[in-house]
PDB file of N, CA and C in Angstrom:
ATOM      1  N   MET A   1     -80.215 -57.200 -16.770  1.00  0.00           N
ATOM      2  CA  MET A   1     -79.680 -57.429 -15.437  1.00  0.00           C
ATOM      3  C   MET A   1     -79.914 -56.219 -14.533  1.00  0.00           C
ATOM      4  N   SER A   2     -79.921 -55.015 -15.067  1.00  0.00           N
ATOM      5  CA  SER A   2     -80.110 -53.837 -14.231  1.00  0.00           C
ATOM      6  C   SER A   2     -81.517 -53.778 -13.659  1.00  0.00           C
ATOM      7  N   GLU A   3     -82.503 -54.361 -14.340  1.00  0.00           N
ATOM      8  CA  GLU A   3     -83.875 -54.379 -13.821  1.00  0.00           C
ATOM      9  C   GLU A   3     -83.966 -55.215 -12.551  1.00  0.00           C
ATOM     10  N   ASP A   4     -83.243 -56.324 -12.498  1.00  0.00           N
ATOM     11  CA  ASP A   4     -83.250 -57.174 -11.304  1.00  0.00           C
ATOM     12  C   ASP A   4     -82.661 -56.437 -10.107  1.00  0.00           C
ATOM     13  N   THR A   5     -81.580 -55.716 -10.332  1.00  0.00           N
ATOM     14  CA  THR A   5     -80.951 -55.001  -9.221  1.00  0.00           C
ATOM     15  C   THR A   5     -81.808 -53.820  -8.789  1.00  0.00           C
ATOM     16  N   ASP A   6     -82.549 -53.205  -9.689  1.00  0.00           N
ATOM     17  CA  ASP A   6     -83.428 -52.097  -9.319  1.00  0.00           C
ATOM     18  C   ASP A   6     -84.566 -52.583  -8.436  1.00  0.00           C
ATOM     19  N   ASN A   7     -85.061 -53.795  -8.658  1.00  0.00           N
ATOM     20  CA  ASN A   7     -86.160 -54.335  -7.875  1.00  0.00           C
ATOM     21  C   ASN A   7     -85.723 -54.727  -6.471  1.00  0.00           C
ATOM     22  N   LYS A   8     -84.471 -55.067  -6.299  1.00  0.00           N
ATOM     23  CA  LYS A   8     -83.962 -55.469  -4.985  1.00  0.00           C
ATOM     24  C   LYS A   8     -83.510 -54.245  -4.214  1.00  0.00           C
ATOM     25  N   MET A   9     -83.504 -54.377  -2.883  1.00  0.00           N
ATOM     26  CA  MET A   9     -83.014 -53.284  -2.058  1.00  0.00           C
ATOM     27  C   MET A   9     -81.514 -53.142  -2.248  1.00  0.00           C
ATOM     28  N   SER A  10     -81.028 -51.931  -2.131  1.00  0.00           N
ATOM     29  CA  SER A  10     -79.598 -51.714  -2.223  1.00  0.00           C
ATOM     30  C   SER A  10     -78.918 -52.286  -0.981  1.00  0.00           C
ATOM     31  N   ARG A  11     -77.648 -52.422  -1.056  1.00  0.00           N
ATOM     32  CA  ARG A  11     -76.886 -52.971   0.075  1.00  0.00           C
ATOM     33  C   ARG A  11     -77.093 -52.120   1.321  1.00  0.00           C
ATOM     34  N   GLU A  12     -77.050 -50.796   1.139  1.00  0.00           N
ATOM     35  CA  GLU A  12     -77.227 -49.900   2.273  1.00  0.00           C
ATOM     36  C   GLU A  12     -78.616 -50.057   2.892  1.00  0.00           C
ATOM     37  N   ASP A  13     -79.632 -50.227   2.045  1.00  0.00           N
ATOM     38  CA  ASP A  13     -80.994 -50.408   2.549  1.00  0.00           C
ATOM     39  C   ASP A  13     -81.116 -51.712   3.328  1.00  0.00           C
ATOM     40  N   ARG A  14     -80.512 -52.772   2.810  1.00  0.00           N
ATOM     41  CA  ARG A  14     -80.553 -54.061   3.516  1.00  0.00           C
ATOM     42  C   ARG A  14     -79.852 -53.960   4.856  1.00  0.00           C
ATOM     43  N   LEU A  15     -78.689 -53.329   4.871  1.00  0.00           N
ATOM     44  CA  LEU A  15     -77.949 -53.186   6.126  1.00  0.00           C
ATOM     45  C   LEU A  15     -78.730 -52.335   7.125  1.00  0.00           C
ATOM     46  N   ALA A  16     -79.335 -51.261   6.655  1.00  0.00           N
ATOM     47  CA  ALA A  16     -80.112 -50.401   7.552  1.00  0.00           C
ATOM     48  C   ALA A  16     -81.288 -51.170   8.134  1.00  0.00           C
ATOM     49  N   ALA A  17     -81.954 -51.976   7.321  1.00  0.00           N
ATOM     50  CA  ALA A  17     -83.088 -52.764   7.813  1.00  0.00           C
ATOM     51  C   ALA A  17     -82.627 -53.781   8.850  1.00  0.00           C
ATOM     52  N   LYS A  18     -81.495 -54.426   8.615  1.00  0.00           N
ATOM     53  CA  LYS A  18     -80.961 -55.397   9.579  1.00  0.00           C
ATOM     54  C   LYS A  18     -80.572 -54.713  10.883  1.00  0.00           C
ATOM     55  N   LEU A  19     -79.986 -53.526  10.785  1.00  0.00           N
ATOM     56  CA  LEU A  19     -79.613 -52.791  11.997  1.00  0.00           C
ATOM     57  C   LEU A  19     -80.838 -52.416  12.816  1.00  0.00           C
ATOM     58  N   ARG A  20     -81.907 -51.955  12.152  1.00  0.00           N
ATOM     59  CA  ARG A  20     -83.130 -51.611  12.871  1.00  0.00           C
ATOM     60  C   ARG A  20     -83.725 -52.845  13.542  1.00  0.00           C
ATOM     61  N   GLU A  21     -83.719 -53.969  12.832  1.00  0.00           N
ATOM     62  CA  GLU A  21     -84.252 -55.216  13.393  1.00  0.00           C
ATOM     63  C   GLU A  21     -83.435 -55.639  14.616  1.00  0.00           C
ATOM     64  N   ASN A  22     -82.131 -55.568  14.510  1.00  0.00           N
ATOM     65  CA  ASN A  22     -81.238 -55.937  15.605  1.00  0.00           C
ATOM     66  C   ASN A  22     -81.451 -55.016  16.807  1.00  0.00           C
ATOM     67  N   LEU A  23     -81.604 -53.717  16.544  1.00  0.00           N
ATOM     68  CA  LEU A  23     -81.816 -52.773  17.634  1.00  0.00           C
ATOM     69  C   LEU A  23     -83.117 -53.063  18.365  1.00  0.00           C
ATOM     70  N   ARG A  24     -84.188 -53.343  17.617  1.00  0.00           N
ATOM     71  CA  ARG A  24     -85.470 -53.666  18.256  1.00  0.00           C
ATOM     72  C   ARG A  24     -85.356 -54.921  19.098  1.00  0.00           C
ATOM     73  N   ARG A  25     -84.646 -55.928  18.592  1.00  0.00           N
ATOM     74  CA  ARG A  25     -84.487 -57.180  19.338  1.00  0.00           C
ATOM     75  C   ARG A  25     -83.689 -56.955  20.614  1.00  0.00           C
ATOM     76  N   ARG A  26     -82.614 -56.191  20.517  1.00  0.00           N
ATOM     77  CA  ARG A  26     -81.783 -55.938  21.700  1.00  0.00           C
ATOM     78  C   ARG A  26     -82.514 -55.098  22.740  1.00  0.00           C
ATOM     79  N   LYS A  27     -83.319 -54.135  22.289  1.00  0.00           N
ATOM     80  CA  LYS A  27     -84.102 -53.338  23.235  1.00  0.00           C
ATOM     81  C   LYS A  27     -85.117 -54.210  23.948  1.00  0.00           C
ATOM     82  N   ALA A  28     -85.748 -55.125  23.223  1.00  0.00           N
ATOM     83  CA  ALA A  28     -86.717 -56.025  23.838  1.00  0.00           C
ATOM     84  C   ALA A  28     -86.028 -56.918  24.865  1.00  0.00           C
ATOM     85  N   GLN A  29     -84.833 -57.406  24.548  1.00  0.00           N
ATOM     86  CA  GLN A  29     -84.087 -58.235  25.487  1.00  0.00           C
ATOM     87  C   GLN A  29     -83.718 -57.426  26.728  1.00  0.00           C
ATOM     88  N   ALA A  30     -83.306 -56.181  26.540  1.00  0.00           N
ATOM     89  CA  ALA A  30     -82.929 -55.335  27.679  1.00  0.00           C
ATOM     90  C   ALA A  30     -84.135 -55.068  28.568  1.00  0.00           C
ATOM     91  N   ARG A  31     -85.300 -54.829  27.959  1.00  0.00           N
ATOM     92  CA  ARG A  31     -86.512 -54.611  28.758  1.00  0.00           C
ATOM     93  C   ARG A  31     -86.862 -55.861  29.547  1.00  0.00           C
ATOM     94  N   GLU A  32     -86.710 -57.031  28.919  1.00  0.00           N
ATOM     95  CA  GLU A  32     -87.015 -58.286  29.598  1.00  0.00           C
ATOM     96  C   GLU A  32     -86.071 -58.505  30.770  1.00  0.00           C
ATOM     97  N   ILE A  33     -84.808 -58.266  30.565  1.00  0.00           N
ATOM     98  CA  ILE A  33     -83.827 -58.435  31.633  1.00  0.00           C
ATOM     99  C   ILE A  33     -84.101 -57.431  32.750  1.00  0.00           C
ATOM    100  N   GLY A  34     -84.440 -56.206  32.394  1.00  0.00           N
ATOM    101  CA  GLY A  34     -84.747 -55.185  33.385  1.00  0.00           C
ATOM    102  C   GLY A  34     -85.967 -55.538  34.208  1.00  0.00           C
ATOM    103  N   SER A  35     -86.981 -56.086  33.570  1.00  0.00           N
ATOM    104  CA  SER A  35     -88.190 -56.434  34.307  1.00  0.00           C
ATOM    105  C   SER A  35     -87.942 -57.630  35.223  1.00  0.00           C
ATOM    106  N   GLU A  36     -87.087 -58.537  34.811  1.00  0.00           N
ATOM    107  CA  GLU A  36     -86.754 -59.688  35.662  1.00  0.00           C
ATOM    108  C   GLU A  36     -86.014 -59.228  36.913  1.00  0.00           C
ATOM    109  N   SER A  37     -85.098 -58.292  36.768  1.00  0.00           N
ATOM    110  CA  SER A  37     -84.334 -57.848  37.934  1.00  0.00           C
ATOM    111  C   SER A  37     -85.221 -57.053  38.886  1.00  0.00           C
ATOM    112  N   ARG A  38     -86.193 -56.307  38.353  1.00  0.00           N
ATOM    113  CA  ARG A  38     -87.107 -55.571  39.223  1.00  0.00           C
ATOM    114  C   ARG A  38     -88.038 -56.513  39.963  1.00  0.00           C
ATOM    115  N   GLU A  39     -88.470 -57.574  39.298  1.00  0.00           N
ATOM    116  CA  GLU A  39     -89.371 -58.533  39.936  1.00  0.00           C
ATOM    117  C   GLU A  39     -88.675 -59.289  41.059  1.00  0.00           C
ATOM    118  N   SER A  40     -87.427 -59.605  40.874  1.00  0.00           N
ATOM    119  CA  SER A  40     -86.705 -60.375  41.892  1.00  0.00           C
ATOM    120  C   SER A  40     -86.203 -59.491  43.031  1.00  0.00           C
ATOM    121  N   GLY A  41     -86.274 -58.170  42.838  1.00  0.00           N
ATOM    122  CA  GLY A  41     -85.858 -57.260  43.889  1.00  0.00           C
ATOM    123  C   GLY A  41     -84.360 -57.002  43.915  1.00  0.00           C
ATOM    124  N   LEU A  42     -83.648 -57.450  42.904  1.00  0.00           N
ATOM    125  CA  LEU A  42     -82.226 -57.219  42.847  1.00  0.00           C
ATOM    126  C   LEU A  42     -81.962 -55.895  42.133  1.00  0.00           C
ATOM    127  N   PRO A  43     -81.080 -55.087  42.675  1.00  0.00           N
ATOM    128  CA  PRO A  43     -80.754 -53.825  41.990  1.00  0.00           C
ATOM    129  C   PRO A  43     -79.949 -54.106  40.726  1.00  0.00           C
ATOM    130  N   LYS A  44     -80.091 -53.208  39.756  1.00  0.00           N
ATOM    131  CA  LYS A  44     -79.323 -53.358  38.519  1.00  0.00           C
ATOM    132  C   LYS A  44     -77.837 -53.151  38.780  1.00  0.00           C
ATOM    133  N   GLU A  45     -77.517 -52.096  39.533  1.00  0.00           N
ATOM    134  CA  GLU A  45     -76.125 -51.783  39.831  1.00  0.00           C
ATOM    135  C   GLU A  45     -75.953 -51.672  41.343  1.00  0.00           C
ATOM    136  N   ASP A  46     -74.743 -51.911  41.796  1.00  0.00           N
ATOM    137  CA  ASP A  46     -74.464 -51.743  43.217  1.00  0.00           C
ATOM    138  C   ASP A  46     -74.410 -50.250  43.529  1.00  0.00           C
ATOM    139  N   ALA A  47     -75.139 -49.842  44.529  1.00  0.00           N
ATOM    140  CA  ALA A  47     -75.137 -48.446  44.937  1.00  0.00           C
ATOM    141  C   ALA A  47     -73.951 -48.216  45.868  1.00  0.00           C
ATOM    142  N   LYS A  48     -73.041 -47.382  45.424  1.00  0.00           N
ATOM    143  CA  LYS A  48     -71.868 -47.072  46.250  1.00  0.00           C
ATOM    144  C   LYS A  48     -71.979 -45.646  46.735  1.00  0.00           C
ATOM    145  N   SER A  49     -71.736 -45.447  48.029  1.00  0.00           N
ATOM    146  CA  SER A  49     -71.844 -44.105  48.610  1.00  0.00           C
ATOM    147  C   SER A  49     -70.477 -43.497  48.765  1.00  0.00           C
TER     148      SER A  49
END
């Protein structure tokens, strides 16, 4: 049974891989949203003086 667990990634490795995947996906979504707002000419935040 220990050979099977050695071949699989540890829990920490699996979690780290999922976190990296999630971060890449969220960054891509943020870039897409940012490019849409720039194309439409709408500011991201209201500029207050």
